[in-house]
Amino acid sequence: MNPFKNGMIGGVYVVHARRFTDRAVQMKAQLGKLDIPFEFIEPYDADVLDAGALELFSDSKRAMTRGQKSCTLKHLEALRKIVAGGYKYGLVFEDDAILDPQFLPELEKVVAEAQSINHPHAIYLGIGSNMFVPWRKLRRGRRLYEAEVSRCAEAYLIGAEAARIRLDWVEKHKMDRPVDHVFTQIDRETGIRMYWSNPATVVQGSMNGFYFSTQEGGTRLARLWQFKLRFELQRLRRKYIYRFFQ
């Protein structure tokens, strides 16, 4: 059953930088086609971050760009909305998410299977940086696999309880790494369990060459075809070779 109509997914949020108007158009088209209502998370754009927001970060171990800090703060804002709504699940996208044609039917299966999980958790729906469930762990008909790390944060499900735990952690600690890494750190320290969906049904357009990436130095000057080629070669290695040895 459609999880957006039966109350299983109570809110959908797209982490978005206002200047990326092409991404906004693409997300509206994708989610509109599936009749999925959503809200853009637009506060904390990189060019308007104030000292109070930046106080949440520590660069003692590694330097973070303003773009990475902005992205992290927007994810935290999405978590606040999920907590405020008390949702069984909220669904969070980044604005460069590209949805597979089977996104909605696969999501229905993921949410149905997740009903047996009775502890705080997050479910990663995207492919991340070509991160695949090892072949030896795959089971016919199964969609969810517990993992030791998050995938990238292009698309994930999280409930109000787990979202609150993450926000409580942030109140007591400074962050020094990008959002997917800080989520892994939080979840390991607090006992939130991480699950990967298989098949993954979302890919980051800034990683596969659909968009320019703005998160890593030098990326904006690279040609899109170079990113696409690199991404596809990495996918071939990790999906059809590395998985056999994990």
C-alpha atoms as a PDB file:
ATOM      1  CA  MET A   1       0.000   0.000   0.000  1.00  0.00           C
ATOM      2  CA  ASN A   2       1.192   3.533  -0.781  1.00  0.00           C
ATOM      3  CA  PRO A   3       3.079   4.626   2.374  1.00  0.00           C
ATOM      4  CA  PHE A   4       2.266   8.280   1.705  1.00  0.00           C
ATOM      5  CA  LYS A   5      -1.454   7.554   1.863  1.00  0.00           C
ATOM      6  CA  ASN A   6      -1.597   5.079   4.737  1.00  0.00           C
ATOM      7  CA  GLY A   7       0.262   7.313   7.190  1.00  0.00           C
ATOM      8  CA  MET A   8       3.523   5.379   7.330  1.00  0.00           C
ATOM      9  CA  ILE A   9       5.489   8.285   5.856  1.00  0.00           C
ATOM     10  CA  GLY A  10       4.306  11.499   7.450  1.00  0.00           C
ATOM     11  CA  GLY A  11       6.582  14.078   5.865  1.00  0.00           C
ATOM     12  CA  VAL A  12       8.897  14.387   2.864  1.00  0.00           C
ATOM     13  CA  TYR A  13      11.734  16.917   2.868  1.00  0.00           C
ATOM     14  CA  VAL A  14      14.180  17.974   0.171  1.00  0.00           C
ATOM     15  CA  VAL A  15      17.457  19.495   1.379  1.00  0.00           C
ATOM     16  CA  HIS A  16      17.902  22.308  -1.116  1.00  0.00           C
ATOM     17  CA  ALA A  17      20.130  25.304  -1.828  1.00  0.00           C
ATOM     18  CA  ARG A  18      18.056  28.107  -3.344  1.00  0.00           C
ATOM     19  CA  ARG A  19      20.560  28.924  -6.077  1.00  0.00           C
ATOM     20  CA  PHE A  20      20.222  25.485  -7.656  1.00  0.00           C
ATOM     21  CA  THR A  21      17.017  26.244  -9.509  1.00  0.00           C
ATOM     22  CA  ASP A  22      17.552  23.407 -11.989  1.00  0.00           C
ATOM     23  CA  ARG A  23      17.570  20.901  -9.143  1.00  0.00           C
ATOM     24  CA  ALA A  24      14.361  22.337  -7.723  1.00  0.00           C
ATOM     25  CA  VAL A  25      12.659  21.941 -11.093  1.00  0.00           C
ATOM     26  CA  GLN A  26      13.880  18.345 -11.399  1.00  0.00           C
ATOM     27  CA  MET A  27      12.732  17.376  -7.892  1.00  0.00           C
ATOM     28  CA  LYS A  28       9.314  18.953  -8.421  1.00  0.00           C
ATOM     29  CA  ALA A  29       8.930  16.981 -11.634  1.00  0.00           C
ATOM     30  CA  GLN A  30      10.015  13.664 -10.123  1.00  0.00           C
ATOM     31  CA  LEU A  31       7.957  13.875  -6.946  1.00  0.00           C
ATOM     32  CA  GLY A  32       5.004  15.467  -8.703  1.00  0.00           C
ATOM     33  CA  LYS A  33       4.861  12.587 -11.151  1.00  0.00           C
ATOM     34  CA  LEU A  34       4.574  10.201  -8.195  1.00  0.00           C
ATOM     35  CA  ASP A  35       2.051  12.441  -6.413  1.00  0.00           C
ATOM     36  CA  ILE A  36       4.355  12.770  -3.391  1.00  0.00           C
ATOM     37  CA  PRO A  37       3.841  15.987  -1.402  1.00  0.00           C
ATOM     38  CA  PHE A  38       7.072  17.482  -0.074  1.00  0.00           C
ATOM     39  CA  GLU A  39       8.722  20.540   1.437  1.00  0.00           C
ATOM     40  CA  PHE A  40      12.018  22.146   0.485  1.00  0.00           C
ATOM     41  CA  ILE A  41      14.468  22.704   3.360  1.00  0.00           C
ATOM     42  CA  GLU A  42      15.991  26.061   2.398  1.00  0.00           C
ATOM     43  CA  PRO A  43      17.328  27.742   5.582  1.00  0.00           C
ATOM     44  CA  TYR A  44      21.086  27.652   6.210  1.00  0.00           C
ATOM     45  CA  ASP A  45      22.269  28.358   2.670  1.00  0.00           C
ATOM     46  CA  ALA A  46      26.079  28.454   2.577  1.00  0.00           C
ATOM     47  CA  ASP A  47      26.312  32.156   1.751  1.00  0.00           C
ATOM     48  CA  VAL A  48      24.206  33.257   4.743  1.00  0.00           C
ATOM     49  CA  LEU A  49      25.491  31.055   7.565  1.00  0.00           C
ATOM     50  CA  ASP A  50      25.927  33.070  10.722  1.00  0.00           C
ATOM     51  CA  ALA A  51      28.308  32.592  13.625  1.00  0.00           C
ATOM     52  CA  GLY A  52      25.670  30.862  15.722  1.00  0.00           C
ATOM     53  CA  ALA A  53      25.122  28.150  13.119  1.00  0.00           C
ATOM     54  CA  LEU A  54      28.859  27.675  12.581  1.00  0.00           C
ATOM     55  CA  GLU A  55      29.355  27.164  16.329  1.00  0.00           C
ATOM     56  CA  LEU A  56      28.007  23.639  15.873  1.00  0.00           C
ATOM     57  CA  PHE A  57      31.164  22.662  13.968  1.00  0.00           C
ATOM     58  CA  SER A  58      34.755  22.018  14.929  1.00  0.00           C
ATOM     59  CA  ASP A  59      37.449  21.900  12.270  1.00  0.00           C
ATOM     60  CA  SER A  60      40.074  20.558  14.638  1.00  0.00           C
ATOM     61  CA  LYS A  61      40.463  17.284  12.738  1.00  0.00           C
ATOM     62  CA  ARG A  62      39.529  18.127   9.151  1.00  0.00           C
ATOM     63  CA  ALA A  63      38.451  21.193   7.236  1.00  0.00           C
ATOM     64  CA  MET A  64      34.819  21.374   6.112  1.00  0.00           C
ATOM     65  CA  THR A  65      33.589  23.701   3.389  1.00  0.00           C
ATOM     66  CA  ARG A  66      30.709  26.080   3.989  1.00  0.00           C
ATOM     67  CA  GLY A  67      28.734  23.978   1.513  1.00  0.00           C
ATOM     68  CA  GLN A  68      29.241  20.846   3.605  1.00  0.00           C
ATOM     69  CA  LYS A  69      28.256  22.689   6.767  1.00  0.00           C
ATOM     70  CA  SER A  70      25.190  24.109   5.055  1.00  0.00           C
ATOM     71  CA  CYS A  71      24.129  20.665   3.873  1.00  0.00           C
ATOM     72  CA  THR A  72      24.530  19.234   7.378  1.00  0.00           C
ATOM     73  CA  LEU A  73      22.455  22.012   8.957  1.00  0.00           C
ATOM     74  CA  LYS A  74      19.680  21.500   6.423  1.00  0.00           C
ATOM     75  CA  HIS A  75      19.549  17.785   7.260  1.00  0.00           C
ATOM     76  CA  LEU A  76      19.273  18.651  10.938  1.00  0.00           C
ATOM     77  CA  GLU A  77      16.378  20.979  10.119  1.00  0.00           C
ATOM     78  CA  ALA A  78      14.634  18.102   8.351  1.00  0.00           C
ATOM     79  CA  LEU A  79      15.146  15.956  11.469  1.00  0.00           C
ATOM     80  CA  ARG A  80      13.563  18.682  13.602  1.00  0.00           C
ATOM     81  CA  LYS A  81      10.478  18.654  11.408  1.00  0.00           C
ATOM     82  CA  ILE A  82      10.230  14.865  11.662  1.00  0.00           C
ATOM     83  CA  VAL A  83      10.455  15.064  15.449  1.00  0.00           C
ATOM     84  CA  ALA A  84       7.877  17.867  15.583  1.00  0.00           C
ATOM     85  CA  GLY A  85       5.506  15.782  13.475  1.00  0.00           C
ATOM     86  CA  GLY A  86       6.044  12.660  15.573  1.00  0.00           C
ATOM     87  CA  TYR A  87       6.219  10.659  12.358  1.00  0.00           C
ATOM     88  CA  LYS A  88       6.636   6.914  12.092  1.00  0.00           C
ATOM     89  CA  TYR A  89       8.887   7.803   9.165  1.00  0.00           C
ATOM     90  CA  GLY A  90      10.009  10.961   7.467  1.00  0.00           C
ATOM     91  CA  LEU A  91      11.650  10.751   4.056  1.00  0.00           C
ATOM     92  CA  VAL A  92      14.603  13.030   3.355  1.00  0.00           C
ATOM     93  CA  PHE A  93      16.110  13.679  -0.071  1.00  0.00           C
ATOM     94  CA  GLU A  94      18.983  15.846  -1.195  1.00  0.00           C
ATOM     95  CA  ASP A  95      18.101  18.046  -4.147  1.00  0.00           C
ATOM     96  CA  ASP A  96      20.358  16.162  -6.572  1.00  0.00           C
ATOM     97  CA  ALA A  97      18.506  12.877  -6.011  1.00  0.00           C
ATOM     98  CA  ILE A  98      17.581  10.990  -9.180  1.00  0.00           C
ATOM     99  CA  LEU A  99      14.814   8.447  -8.590  1.00  0.00           C
ATOM    100  CA  ASP A 100      14.680   5.046 -10.250  1.00  0.00           C
ATOM    101  CA  PRO A 101      11.483   4.259 -12.196  1.00  0.00           C
ATOM    102  CA  GLN A 102      10.780   1.563  -9.581  1.00  0.00           C
ATOM    103  CA  PHE A 103      11.232   3.928  -6.649  1.00  0.00           C
ATOM    104  CA  LEU A 104       7.645   3.903  -5.383  1.00  0.00           C
ATOM    105  CA  PRO A 105       6.892   0.156  -5.632  1.00  0.00           C
ATOM    106  CA  GLU A 106      10.251  -0.637  -4.022  1.00  0.00           C
ATOM    107  CA  LEU A 107       9.632   1.919  -1.283  1.00  0.00           C
ATOM    108  CA  GLU A 108       6.324   0.219  -0.477  1.00  0.00           C
ATOM    109  CA  LYS A 109       8.174  -3.076   0.011  1.00  0.00           C
ATOM    110  CA  VAL A 110      10.872  -1.435   2.144  1.00  0.00           C
ATOM    111  CA  VAL A 111       8.333   0.198   4.456  1.00  0.00           C
ATOM    112  CA  ALA A 112       6.328  -3.023   4.759  1.00  0.00           C
ATOM    113  CA  GLU A 113       9.445  -5.011   5.704  1.00  0.00           C
ATOM    114  CA  ALA A 114      10.540  -2.327   8.154  1.00  0.00           C
ATOM    115  CA  GLN A 115       7.456  -2.914  10.307  1.00  0.00           C
ATOM    116  CA  SER A 116       9.305  -5.776  11.987  1.00  0.00           C
ATOM    117  CA  ILE A 117      12.100  -3.445  13.196  1.00  0.00           C
ATOM    118  CA  ASN A 118      11.471  -2.457  16.819  1.00  0.00           C
ATOM    119  CA  HIS A 119      14.490  -0.271  17.620  1.00  0.00           C
ATOM    120  CA  PRO A 120      15.582   3.244  16.500  1.00  0.00           C
ATOM    121  CA  HIS A 121      16.913   3.049  12.962  1.00  0.00           C
ATOM    122  CA  ALA A 122      17.515   4.783   9.653  1.00  0.00           C
ATOM    123  CA  ILE A 123      17.025   3.243   6.208  1.00  0.00           C
ATOM    124  CA  TYR A 124      19.220   4.419   3.322  1.00  0.00           C
ATOM    125  CA  LEU A 125      17.491   4.153  -0.054  1.00  0.00           C
ATOM    126  CA  GLY A 126      20.239   5.495  -2.288  1.00  0.00           C
ATOM    127  CA  ILE A 127      23.238   3.886  -3.873  1.00  0.00           C
ATOM    128  CA  GLY A 128      25.628   6.199  -2.028  1.00  0.00           C
ATOM    129  CA  SER A 129      29.083   6.247  -3.582  1.00  0.00           C
ATOM    130  CA  ASN A 130      28.296   2.913  -5.232  1.00  0.00           C
ATOM    131  CA  MET A 131      27.830   1.028  -1.964  1.00  0.00           C
ATOM    132  CA  PHE A 132      26.240  -2.396  -2.438  1.00  0.00           C
ATOM    133  CA  VAL A 133      25.120  -5.154  -0.086  1.00  0.00           C
ATOM    134  CA  PRO A 134      27.648  -8.038  -0.385  1.00  0.00           C
ATOM    135  CA  TRP A 135      26.411 -10.955  -2.471  1.00  0.00           C
ATOM    136  CA  ARG A 136      26.809 -13.446   0.395  1.00  0.00           C
ATOM    137  CA  LYS A 137      24.273 -11.488   2.479  1.00  0.00           C
ATOM    138  CA  LEU A 138      21.559 -11.194  -0.151  1.00  0.00           C
ATOM    139  CA  ARG A 139      18.354 -13.185   0.379  1.00  0.00           C
ATOM    140  CA  ARG A 140      15.540 -13.666  -2.101  1.00  0.00           C
ATOM    141  CA  GLY A 141      12.672 -11.258  -1.480  1.00  0.00           C
ATOM    142  CA  ARG A 142      14.494  -9.376   1.262  1.00  0.00           C
ATOM    143  CA  ARG A 143      14.895  -5.601   0.975  1.00  0.00           C
ATOM    144  CA  LEU A 144      16.653  -4.434   4.167  1.00  0.00           C
ATOM    145  CA  TYR A 145      20.176  -5.262   5.337  1.00  0.00           C
ATOM    146  CA  GLU A 146      21.801  -3.955   8.502  1.00  0.00           C
ATOM    147  CA  ALA A 147      25.055  -2.091   7.868  1.00  0.00           C
ATOM    148  CA  GLU A 148      27.925  -0.668   9.898  1.00  0.00           C
ATOM    149  CA  VAL A 149      27.991   2.680   8.062  1.00  0.00           C
ATOM    150  CA  SER A 150      25.484   4.961   6.434  1.00  0.00           C
ATOM    151  CA  ARG A 151      25.359   5.347   2.709  1.00  0.00           C
ATOM    152  CA  CYS A 152      25.415   8.888   1.401  1.00  0.00           C
ATOM    153  CA  ALA A 153      22.463  10.995   2.515  1.00  0.00           C
ATOM    154  CA  GLU A 154      20.745  11.458  -0.855  1.00  0.00           C
ATOM    155  CA  ALA A 155      17.646   9.560   0.329  1.00  0.00           C
ATOM    156  CA  TYR A 156      16.764   7.990   3.685  1.00  0.00           C
ATOM    157  CA  LEU A 157      13.879   7.132   5.966  1.00  0.00           C
ATOM    158  CA  ILE A 158      14.028   7.950   9.649  1.00  0.00           C
ATOM    159  CA  GLY A 159      11.426   8.073  12.398  1.00  0.00           C
ATOM    160  CA  ALA A 160      10.852  10.666  15.100  1.00  0.00           C
ATOM    161  CA  GLU A 161      12.563   8.614  17.821  1.00  0.00           C
ATOM    162  CA  ALA A 162      15.828   8.141  15.918  1.00  0.00           C
ATOM    163  CA  ALA A 163      15.724  11.733  14.671  1.00  0.00           C
ATOM    164  CA  ARG A 164      15.410  12.976  18.255  1.00  0.00           C
ATOM    165  CA  ILE A 165      18.397  10.879  19.329  1.00  0.00           C
ATOM    166  CA  ARG A 166      20.524  12.415  16.562  1.00  0.00           C
ATOM    167  CA  LEU A 167      19.472  15.932  17.530  1.00  0.00           C
ATOM    168  CA  ASP A 168      20.201  15.257  21.209  1.00  0.00           C
ATOM    169  CA  TRP A 169      23.712  14.149  20.258  1.00  0.00           C
ATOM    170  CA  VAL A 170      24.290  17.331  18.259  1.00  0.00           C
ATOM    171  CA  GLU A 171      23.351  19.430  21.288  1.00  0.00           C
ATOM    172  CA  LYS A 172      26.248  17.872  23.216  1.00  0.00           C
ATOM    173  CA  HIS A 173      28.930  17.501  20.545  1.00  0.00           C
ATOM    174  CA  LYS A 174      30.515  19.552  17.782  1.00  0.00           C
ATOM    175  CA  MET A 175      30.594  18.132  14.266  1.00  0.00           C
ATOM    176  CA  ASP A 176      33.783  17.876  12.232  1.00  0.00           C
ATOM    177  CA  ARG A 177      32.801  15.841   9.167  1.00  0.00           C
ATOM    178  CA  PRO A 178      30.196  15.821   6.342  1.00  0.00           C
ATOM    179  CA  VAL A 179      26.635  14.789   7.097  1.00  0.00           C
ATOM    180  CA  ASP A 180      26.768  11.125   6.044  1.00  0.00           C
ATOM    181  CA  HIS A 181      29.893  10.585   8.157  1.00  0.00           C
ATOM    182  CA  VAL A 182      28.504  12.426  11.159  1.00  0.00           C
ATOM    183  CA  PHE A 183      25.313  10.352  10.956  1.00  0.00           C
ATOM    184  CA  THR A 184      27.426   7.190  11.029  1.00  0.00           C
ATOM    185  CA  GLN A 185      29.308   8.520  14.061  1.00  0.00           C
ATOM    186  CA  ILE A 186      26.102   9.452  15.895  1.00  0.00           C
ATOM    187  CA  ASP A 187      24.360   6.189  15.141  1.00  0.00           C
ATOM    188  CA  ARG A 188      27.304   4.083  16.267  1.00  0.00           C
ATOM    189  CA  GLU A 189      27.597   6.003  19.535  1.00  0.00           C
ATOM    190  CA  THR A 190      23.872   6.047  20.321  1.00  0.00           C
ATOM    191  CA  GLY A 191      22.739   2.633  19.093  1.00  0.00           C
ATOM    192  CA  ILE A 192      20.665   3.758  16.132  1.00  0.00           C
ATOM    193  CA  ARG A 193      20.824   0.933  13.604  1.00  0.00           C
ATOM    194  CA  MET A 194      21.579   1.606   9.950  1.00  0.00           C
ATOM    195  CA  TYR A 195      19.965  -0.331   7.108  1.00  0.00           C
ATOM    196  CA  TRP A 196      20.651  -0.338   3.390  1.00  0.00           C
ATOM    197  CA  SER A 197      17.868  -1.107   0.956  1.00  0.00           C
ATOM    198  CA  ASN A 198      18.487  -3.543  -1.875  1.00  0.00           C
ATOM    199  CA  PRO A 199      17.922  -2.677  -4.626  1.00  0.00           C
ATOM    200  CA  ALA A 200      18.887   0.948  -4.088  1.00  0.00           C
ATOM    201  CA  THR A 201      16.490   3.206  -5.981  1.00  0.00           C
ATOM    202  CA  VAL A 202      18.096   6.661  -5.760  1.00  0.00           C
ATOM    203  CA  VAL A 203      21.381   7.990  -7.100  1.00  0.00           C
ATOM    204  CA  GLN A 204      23.099  11.334  -6.544  1.00  0.00           C
ATOM    205  CA  GLY A 205      23.077  13.411  -9.694  1.00  0.00           C
ATOM    206  CA  SER A 206      26.183  15.271  -8.550  1.00  0.00           C
ATOM    207  CA  MET A 207      28.081  11.977  -8.396  1.00  0.00           C
ATOM    208  CA  ASN A 208      26.957  10.316 -11.622  1.00  0.00           C
ATOM    209  CA  GLY A 209      27.473  13.361 -13.853  1.00  0.00           C
ATOM    210  CA  PHE A 210      23.873  14.593 -14.051  1.00  0.00           C
ATOM    211  CA  TYR A 211      24.801  17.760 -12.119  1.00  0.00           C
ATOM    212  CA  PHE A 212      27.988  19.509 -11.167  1.00  0.00           C
ATOM    213  CA  SER A 213      28.946  18.752  -7.568  1.00  0.00           C
ATOM    214  CA  THR A 214      29.566  21.680  -5.229  1.00  0.00           C
ATOM    215  CA  GLN A 215      30.785  19.733  -2.212  1.00  0.00           C
ATOM    216  CA  GLU A 216      34.361  18.886  -3.163  1.00  0.00           C
ATOM    217  CA  GLY A 217      37.210  21.099  -4.249  1.00  0.00           C
ATOM    218  CA  GLY A 218      37.738  21.312  -7.996  1.00  0.00           C
ATOM    219  CA  THR A 219      34.571  19.416  -8.835  1.00  0.00           C
ATOM    220  CA  ARG A 220      32.776  22.337 -10.409  1.00  0.00           C
ATOM    221  CA  LEU A 221      35.465  22.659 -13.070  1.00  0.00           C
ATOM    222  CA  ALA A 222      35.373  19.038 -14.132  1.00  0.00           C
ATOM    223  CA  ARG A 223      33.443  17.979 -17.203  1.00  0.00           C
ATOM    224  CA  LEU A 224      30.267  16.081 -16.556  1.00  0.00           C
ATOM    225  CA  TRP A 225      31.235  13.246 -18.874  1.00  0.00           C
ATOM    226  CA  GLN A 226      34.347  12.614 -16.772  1.00  0.00           C
ATOM    227  CA  PHE A 227      32.200  12.234 -13.664  1.00  0.00           C
ATOM    228  CA  LYS A 228      29.763   9.977 -15.454  1.00  0.00           C
ATOM    229  CA  LEU A 229      32.533   7.735 -16.760  1.00  0.00           C
ATOM    230  CA  ARG A 230      34.254   7.554 -13.375  1.00  0.00           C
ATOM    231  CA  PHE A 231      30.969   6.782 -11.619  1.00  0.00           C
ATOM    232  CA  GLU A 232      30.005   4.019 -14.062  1.00  0.00           C
ATOM    233  CA  LEU A 233      33.438   2.376 -13.864  1.00  0.00           C
ATOM    234  CA  GLN A 234      33.272   2.504 -10.077  1.00  0.00           C
ATOM    235  CA  ARG A 235      29.772   0.990 -10.180  1.00  0.00           C
ATOM    236  CA  LEU A 236      30.964  -1.888 -12.354  1.00  0.00           C
ATOM    237  CA  ARG A 237      33.872  -2.646 -10.020  1.00  0.00           C
ATOM    238  CA  ARG A 238      31.881  -2.446  -6.794  1.00  0.00           C
ATOM    239  CA  LYS A 239      28.679  -4.089  -8.010  1.00  0.00           C
ATOM    240  CA  TYR A 240      30.085  -6.968 -10.031  1.00  0.00           C
ATOM    241  CA  ILE A 241      33.588  -7.585  -8.624  1.00  0.00           C
ATOM    242  CA  TYR A 242      34.137  -6.292  -5.082  1.00  0.00           C
ATOM    243  CA  ARG A 243      30.809  -7.664  -3.790  1.00  0.00           C
ATOM    244  CA  PHE A 244      32.033 -11.234  -4.316  1.00  0.00           C
ATOM    245  CA  PHE A 245      34.960 -10.714  -1.927  1.00  0.00           C
ATOM    246  CA  GLN A 246      33.178  -8.901   0.899  1.00  0.00           C
END
